[in-house]
Amino acid sequence: MTGADILSYLCSNKILDDSSRIAIIGGAPSDIDRLKAGNICSRHKVQIYPMIVSASGEVSDECEINNIADFKPHFVFVCLGSPKQELFILKYSKFWDHSDLHFNIGAGGAFDYLIKKRIRPPKTISSMGLEWMWRLFTRPDIFMRVIKLIPNLKNL
């Protein structure tokens, strides 16, 4: 199950309520503004703590990490892409680990789907495990990144 599927499941089922707190880490300032403009779960007034980090996945101000800890999220979605999001979780999750936290998850493109910045692939493509191919052909920036990596694959 992808991070986007988990976020969608949380919102579409009666798992979240008005007291639920979600931290979403990643995205550009304009993306955060779009997130704040509309609640991700129309049935609930879920509290959201958005946090912007650099493209490298580094935090410029350690106070932000402490702010997440003070927010005490139930769910933390880190949307930086792999492997940055996994490294981020390893490095920083100890700061917001508390008894109310249900999980941290590297959610990749979930944030872009959430704010309707990108279109999710059809379910048939996702169910076949070909979401990566959908991204490859619908996002030229990813296509060029992969093309640049191909010469390095022969060294593996």
Foldseek 3Di string as FASTA:
>chain_A
DALLVVLVVCQVDPNDAQAAEEEEEEDDPVLVVLCVVDPLRNVHNYHYHYHYDDLQLDRPDCVSLLVLLVSLHQEYEYANDPPSSVVNCVVRVVSNDDDSHNDYYDRHCNSCVSSVVDDQDPPVCVVVVNSVVVCCVVPVVVVVVVVVCVVVVVVD
